[in-house]
Amino acid sequence: MAAFCRYVEPSGRIRFALYRQPSQGASTVAKVCPLGLITDDATEESLAIENRIFDWSPEQIAGLPEPDASLWIDAPPKLLPPVNHPEKIICIGLNYLDHAIETGSEPPELPVVFSKFNSSLIGHGDSIVLPSLSQKVDYEAELVVVIGRPARHVNKADAMDYVFGFTAGHDVSARDWQKGRPGGQWLLGKTFDTFAPVGPAIVTKEQFGDGANASVKMYLGEELAQSSTTAQLIFDIPSLISHLSGFVTLRPGDLIFTGTPPGVGAARKPPRFLADGDVCTVDIEGIGRLTNPCRGENS
């Protein structure tokens, strides 16, 4: 059992729990088991608030007791971001060849790097707020790497040793700010509040694998808008970690959004931007479905 989520109980207590996604095609909801039920309350609190899960070895995680069936409960409709206040949210642009082509951009010779602020993070079930300052808010489904230990000047061959696991992410993007303002305001266009949904859970690399051929899909309601695999990445995950660690120290809990497949709204004819009432679902096999409704800022 190697998938973890965070959520808030009605009492206000933040829980850190094992997460079990529904079976493929099943109508049942996801299940959670708070870790305090199989360890103790103090241990769970340190995991929920202090991100202490990154101190655990794969052997410790594998050694967690298997919960009895009675301990699994339905997951709440809203979950917190699975990492509490990561130090860095690093994003990679134009990292699928077909996406670069559809935007009219040349495939980059080096990773295109930008960032988001912590205030952009939301979890599964929370609303993406469409800001009144933008009329062209777009969707981008992404596989997100969760760093597990400090990484600086890492060789590509060793890069996966620094990965704790993976989650699903949605790089919401205000195209009229990202590209339509002087200088190209990438940071502002990417980091409005609520523009970084992540979740529903972190799945460890021991369970998920190395992320080299992960299916990444985006649904708008029932419509499949994006579909590809990370085998199409221009810069693969080890290359990204090695490159980034040459500039900054990657720390436990840091998130790396690895890029989005083709099919974004700005490239469609006519363009398809997000509107009040839309429901976005990032679906990554082996992680689960990250679903967020959209609402206008003044709705």
Protein backbone atom coordinates (compact mmCIF):
# COMPACT_ATOMS: atom_id res chain seq x y z
CA MET A 1 0.00 0.00 0.00
CA ALA A 2 1.87 3.07 -1.19
CA ALA A 3 -0.45 5.96 -2.01
CA PHE A 4 -1.08 8.83 0.41
CA CYS A 5 -3.55 11.72 0.61
CA ARG A 6 -4.50 14.53 2.99
CA TYR A 7 -7.94 15.83 3.87
CA VAL A 8 -9.82 17.81 6.50
CA GLU A 9 -12.41 16.17 8.73
CA PRO A 10 -15.61 18.08 9.61
CA SER A 11 -14.01 18.69 13.03
CA GLY A 12 -11.20 20.61 11.31
CA ARG A 13 -8.56 17.94 11.93
CA ILE A 14 -6.17 17.36 9.04
CA ARG A 15 -5.80 13.67 8.28
CA PHE A 16 -2.96 11.87 6.50
CA ALA A 17 -4.29 8.68 4.97
CA LEU A 18 -3.64 5.76 2.75
CA TYR A 19 -5.52 6.19 -0.52
CA ARG A 20 -7.07 3.54 -2.72
CA GLN A 21 -8.49 4.57 -6.06
CA PRO A 22 -11.58 2.87 -7.47
CA SER A 23 -11.09 -0.09 -9.77
CA GLN A 24 -10.94 0.82 -13.46
CA GLY A 25 -14.46 1.47 -14.68
CA ALA A 26 -15.98 0.97 -11.25
CA SER A 27 -18.68 3.31 -10.02
CA THR A 28 -17.51 3.15 -6.41
CA VAL A 29 -15.70 6.07 -4.86
CA ALA A 30 -12.08 6.13 -3.74
CA LYS A 31 -11.31 4.89 -0.22
CA VAL A 32 -9.08 6.29 2.52
CA CYS A 33 -7.65 4.90 5.74
CA PRO A 34 -6.20 7.49 8.17
CA LEU A 35 -2.73 6.39 9.23
CA GLY A 36 -3.52 6.98 12.89
CA LEU A 37 -5.72 3.89 12.74
CA ILE A 38 -2.77 1.65 11.90
CA THR A 39 0.06 3.61 13.58
CA ASP A 40 -0.73 6.30 16.18
CA ASP A 41 -2.12 9.83 16.26
CA ALA A 42 1.24 11.54 16.84
CA THR A 43 2.80 9.82 13.84
CA GLU A 44 -0.12 10.74 11.63
CA GLU A 45 -0.05 14.39 12.74
CA SER A 46 3.64 14.70 11.88
CA LEU A 47 2.92 13.31 8.43
CA ALA A 48 -0.09 15.54 7.81
CA ILE A 49 1.48 18.82 8.91
CA GLU A 50 5.24 18.46 8.69
CA ASN A 51 5.68 16.36 5.52
CA ARG A 52 7.59 13.77 7.54
CA ILE A 53 6.65 11.04 5.06
CA PHE A 54 9.74 12.08 3.09
CA ASP A 55 11.87 10.91 6.02
CA TRP A 56 10.52 7.39 5.66
CA SER A 57 12.41 4.74 3.73
CA PRO A 58 10.69 2.51 1.17
CA GLU A 59 11.11 -0.31 3.68
CA GLN A 60 9.23 1.66 6.37
CA ILE A 61 6.41 2.39 3.98
CA ALA A 62 6.25 -1.22 2.80
CA GLY A 63 6.15 -2.28 6.46
CA LEU A 64 2.94 -0.40 7.24
CA PRO A 65 0.24 -2.82 8.45
CA GLU A 66 -2.39 -3.77 5.92
CA PRO A 67 -5.62 -2.11 7.10
CA ASP A 68 -8.61 -4.29 7.88
CA ALA A 69 -11.48 -3.82 5.46
CA SER A 70 -13.45 -2.08 8.23
CA LEU A 71 -10.88 0.73 8.43
CA TRP A 72 -11.40 1.91 4.85
CA ILE A 73 -13.97 4.69 4.45
CA ASP A 74 -15.24 6.62 1.45
CA ALA A 75 -12.90 9.43 0.48
CA PRO A 76 -14.40 12.87 1.13
CA PRO A 77 -15.42 14.90 -1.93
CA LYS A 78 -12.57 17.33 -1.33
CA LEU A 79 -8.93 16.50 -0.58
CA LEU A 80 -6.03 18.74 0.34
CA PRO A 81 -2.94 18.96 -1.86
CA PRO A 82 -1.00 15.82 -0.90
CA VAL A 83 2.12 17.87 -0.05
CA ASN A 84 1.73 20.59 2.57
CA HIS A 85 3.36 23.85 1.37
CA PRO A 86 6.13 22.56 -0.92
CA GLU A 87 9.13 24.85 -1.04
CA LYS A 88 9.10 24.96 -4.85
CA ILE A 89 6.57 24.33 -7.60
CA ILE A 90 8.59 24.05 -10.81
CA CYS A 91 6.90 23.69 -14.18
CA ILE A 92 8.20 22.68 -17.59
CA GLY A 93 6.72 24.22 -20.74
CA LEU A 94 6.55 22.84 -24.27
CA ASN A 95 7.81 19.41 -23.21
CA TYR A 96 5.69 17.32 -25.61
CA LEU A 97 6.74 17.67 -29.26
CA ASP A 98 3.16 17.72 -30.55
CA HIS A 99 2.21 20.39 -28.02
CA ALA A 100 5.13 22.58 -29.09
CA ILE A 101 4.04 22.21 -32.71
CA GLU A 102 0.38 23.01 -31.99
CA THR A 103 1.39 26.25 -30.25
CA GLY A 104 3.53 27.29 -33.22
CA SER A 105 6.73 27.05 -31.17
CA GLU A 106 10.02 25.47 -32.13
CA PRO A 107 10.86 22.40 -29.98
CA PRO A 108 13.10 23.77 -27.21
CA GLU A 109 16.78 22.91 -27.05
CA LEU A 110 16.70 23.22 -23.26
CA PRO A 111 13.81 22.76 -20.83
CA VAL A 112 11.51 25.78 -20.62
CA VAL A 113 11.22 26.42 -16.87
CA PHE A 114 8.76 28.57 -14.93
CA SER A 115 7.17 28.38 -11.50
CA LYS A 116 3.96 28.81 -9.53
CA PHE A 117 3.44 30.18 -6.03
CA ASN A 118 2.11 28.04 -3.18
CA SER A 119 -1.05 30.16 -3.20
CA SER A 120 -1.99 28.55 -6.53
CA LEU A 121 -2.25 25.06 -4.97
CA ILE A 122 -5.61 23.38 -4.45
CA GLY A 123 -6.63 19.76 -4.01
CA HIS A 124 -9.08 17.37 -5.62
CA GLY A 125 -12.65 18.67 -5.54
CA ASP A 126 -11.79 22.32 -4.91
CA SER A 127 -12.88 24.94 -7.44
CA ILE A 128 -10.65 26.52 -10.05
CA VAL A 129 -11.52 30.21 -9.86
CA LEU A 130 -11.56 31.87 -13.28
CA PRO A 131 -10.18 35.37 -12.61
CA SER A 132 -11.95 38.48 -13.84
CA LEU A 133 -8.55 39.68 -15.13
CA SER A 134 -8.46 36.92 -17.75
CA GLN A 135 -10.79 35.86 -20.55
CA LYS A 136 -8.59 33.03 -21.88
CA VAL A 137 -8.07 30.46 -19.12
CA ASP A 138 -6.75 27.18 -20.51
CA TYR A 139 -6.30 23.61 -19.23
CA GLU A 140 -3.14 21.45 -19.13
CA ALA A 141 -3.02 17.91 -17.72
CA GLU A 142 0.38 16.89 -16.34
CA LEU A 143 2.25 14.18 -14.49
CA VAL A 144 3.90 15.73 -11.42
CA VAL A 145 7.12 14.47 -9.83
CA VAL A 146 7.39 14.66 -6.03
CA ILE A 147 10.99 15.00 -4.84
CA GLY A 148 11.93 12.83 -1.86
CA ARG A 149 15.38 14.01 -0.75
CA PRO A 150 17.71 16.96 -1.35
CA ALA A 151 19.17 16.99 -4.85
CA ARG A 152 21.96 19.24 -6.10
CA HIS A 153 24.15 18.63 -9.18
CA VAL A 154 22.55 15.23 -9.76
CA ASN A 155 23.65 13.00 -12.61
CA LYS A 156 20.90 11.84 -14.93
CA ALA A 157 21.74 8.22 -14.18
CA ASP A 158 21.09 8.77 -10.47
CA ALA A 159 18.14 11.16 -10.76
CA MET A 160 15.36 8.70 -9.94
CA ASP A 161 17.01 8.01 -6.57
CA TYR A 162 15.77 11.48 -5.53
CA VAL A 163 12.13 10.89 -6.47
CA PHE A 164 9.62 9.95 -3.78
CA GLY A 165 6.67 9.48 -6.07
CA PHE A 166 4.17 11.02 -8.44
CA THR A 167 0.83 12.79 -8.45
CA ALA A 168 -1.49 14.32 -11.03
CA GLY A 169 -1.44 18.03 -11.73
CA HIS A 170 -3.34 20.64 -13.70
CA ASP A 171 -1.31 23.60 -14.97
CA VAL A 172 -4.15 26.09 -15.37
CA SER A 173 -2.97 28.92 -17.63
CA ALA A 174 -4.26 32.41 -18.44
CA ARG A 175 -3.10 32.64 -22.04
CA ASP A 176 -3.90 36.35 -22.38
CA TRP A 177 -1.37 37.04 -19.62
CA GLN A 178 1.14 34.31 -20.43
CA LYS A 179 1.56 35.46 -24.03
CA GLY A 180 -0.61 38.53 -24.52
CA ARG A 181 1.17 41.03 -22.31
CA PRO A 182 4.50 42.84 -22.82
CA GLY A 183 7.42 40.46 -22.37
CA GLY A 184 5.18 37.41 -22.00
CA GLN A 185 4.00 37.31 -18.41
CA TRP A 186 4.49 33.57 -17.84
CA LEU A 187 4.63 33.79 -14.06
CA LEU A 188 1.50 35.89 -13.67
CA GLY A 189 -0.39 33.93 -16.28
CA LYS A 190 0.37 30.65 -14.53
CA THR A 191 0.05 31.49 -10.84
CA PHE A 192 -3.37 33.00 -10.18
CA ASP A 193 -4.90 31.58 -7.01
CA THR A 194 -6.21 28.00 -7.61
CA PHE A 195 -4.18 27.56 -10.83
CA ALA A 196 -2.27 24.47 -9.57
CA PRO A 197 -4.65 21.64 -8.65
CA VAL A 198 -2.72 18.52 -7.56
CA GLY A 199 -3.78 15.11 -6.29
CA PRO A 200 -5.74 13.14 -5.46
CA ALA A 201 -2.76 11.32 -3.88
CA ILE A 202 0.97 10.76 -4.04
CA VAL A 203 1.85 7.30 -5.32
CA THR A 204 5.37 6.14 -4.48
CA LYS A 205 7.73 5.31 -7.32
CA GLU A 206 7.99 1.75 -5.95
CA GLN A 207 4.30 1.33 -6.78
CA PHE A 208 3.96 3.65 -9.78
CA GLY A 209 7.25 3.00 -11.56
CA ASP A 210 9.60 5.54 -13.09
CA GLY A 211 6.95 7.56 -14.94
CA ALA A 212 8.59 6.90 -18.30
CA ASN A 213 5.40 5.74 -20.05
CA ALA A 214 2.51 7.08 -17.99
CA SER A 215 -0.87 7.75 -19.59
CA VAL A 216 -1.92 11.40 -19.17
CA LYS A 217 -5.46 12.49 -20.06
CA MET A 218 -7.66 15.53 -19.56
CA TYR A 219 -11.44 15.38 -19.64
CA LEU A 220 -13.71 18.41 -19.85
CA GLY A 221 -16.88 16.94 -18.47
CA GLU A 222 -17.15 13.68 -20.45
CA GLU A 223 -15.15 14.99 -23.42
CA LEU A 224 -11.59 13.66 -23.82
CA ALA A 225 -9.56 16.79 -24.57
CA GLN A 226 -5.97 15.57 -24.12
CA SER A 227 -4.42 12.11 -24.30
CA SER A 228 -0.80 11.04 -24.55
CA THR A 229 1.93 9.29 -22.59
CA THR A 230 5.11 10.55 -20.99
CA ALA A 231 7.05 8.45 -23.50
CA GLN A 232 6.51 11.52 -25.73
CA LEU A 233 8.36 13.92 -23.43
CA ILE A 234 11.13 15.87 -25.14
CA PHE A 235 13.06 15.98 -21.85
CA ASP A 236 12.42 12.89 -19.72
CA ILE A 237 12.11 12.95 -15.95
CA PRO A 238 15.76 12.08 -15.12
CA SER A 239 16.92 14.78 -17.56
CA LEU A 240 14.66 17.36 -15.90
CA ILE A 241 15.86 16.53 -12.39
CA SER A 242 19.50 16.63 -13.45
CA HIS A 243 19.02 19.95 -15.27
CA LEU A 244 17.09 21.66 -12.49
CA SER A 245 19.44 20.47 -9.76
CA GLY A 246 22.28 22.28 -11.49
CA PHE A 247 20.55 25.59 -10.67
CA VAL A 248 18.77 25.01 -7.36
CA THR A 249 18.68 22.48 -4.56
CA LEU A 250 15.56 20.39 -4.98
CA ARG A 251 14.09 19.61 -1.58
CA PRO A 252 11.71 16.95 -0.24
CA GLY A 253 8.17 17.79 -1.26
CA ASP A 254 9.14 19.98 -4.21
CA LEU A 255 6.81 19.46 -7.16
CA ILE A 256 7.88 19.30 -10.80
CA PHE A 257 5.09 19.64 -13.38
CA THR A 258 6.57 17.76 -16.35
CA GLY A 259 4.65 19.33 -19.25
CA THR A 260 1.33 18.87 -21.02
CA PRO A 261 0.26 16.83 -24.07
CA PRO A 262 -1.33 18.33 -27.19
CA GLY A 263 -4.99 19.30 -27.20
CA VAL A 264 -4.94 22.50 -25.14
CA GLY A 265 -7.81 24.90 -25.65
CA ALA A 266 -5.77 27.73 -27.19
CA ALA A 267 -4.72 25.46 -30.08
CA ARG A 268 -8.23 24.28 -30.94
CA LYS A 269 -10.19 25.78 -33.82
CA PRO A 270 -12.10 27.64 -32.55
CA PRO A 271 -10.24 28.01 -29.23
CA ARG A 272 -11.85 26.36 -26.22
CA PHE A 273 -11.20 28.20 -22.97
CA LEU A 274 -12.57 27.29 -19.55
CA ALA A 275 -15.92 28.69 -18.48
CA ASP A 276 -18.01 28.83 -15.34
CA GLY A 277 -19.52 25.38 -14.79
CA ASP A 278 -16.83 23.39 -16.60
CA VAL A 279 -15.47 20.35 -14.78
CA CYS A 280 -11.83 19.36 -15.46
CA THR A 281 -10.50 15.88 -14.73
CA VAL A 282 -6.86 14.88 -15.05
CA ASP A 283 -6.71 11.09 -15.34
CA ILE A 284 -3.38 9.33 -14.84
CA GLU A 285 -3.49 5.56 -14.75
CA GLY A 286 -1.96 4.32 -11.51
CA ILE A 287 -2.63 7.58 -9.65
CA GLY A 288 -6.31 8.30 -10.15
CA ARG A 289 -8.55 11.14 -11.22
CA LEU A 290 -8.00 14.75 -10.14
CA THR A 291 -11.31 16.55 -10.64
CA ASN A 292 -11.97 20.26 -10.17
CA PRO A 293 -15.01 22.34 -11.13
CA CYS A 294 -14.57 25.83 -12.52
CA ARG A 295 -16.36 28.94 -11.34
CA GLY A 296 -16.10 32.58 -12.24
CA GLU A 297 -14.42 34.84 -9.71
CA ASN A 298 -17.58 36.90 -9.34
CA SER A 299 -20.00 33.97 -9.42
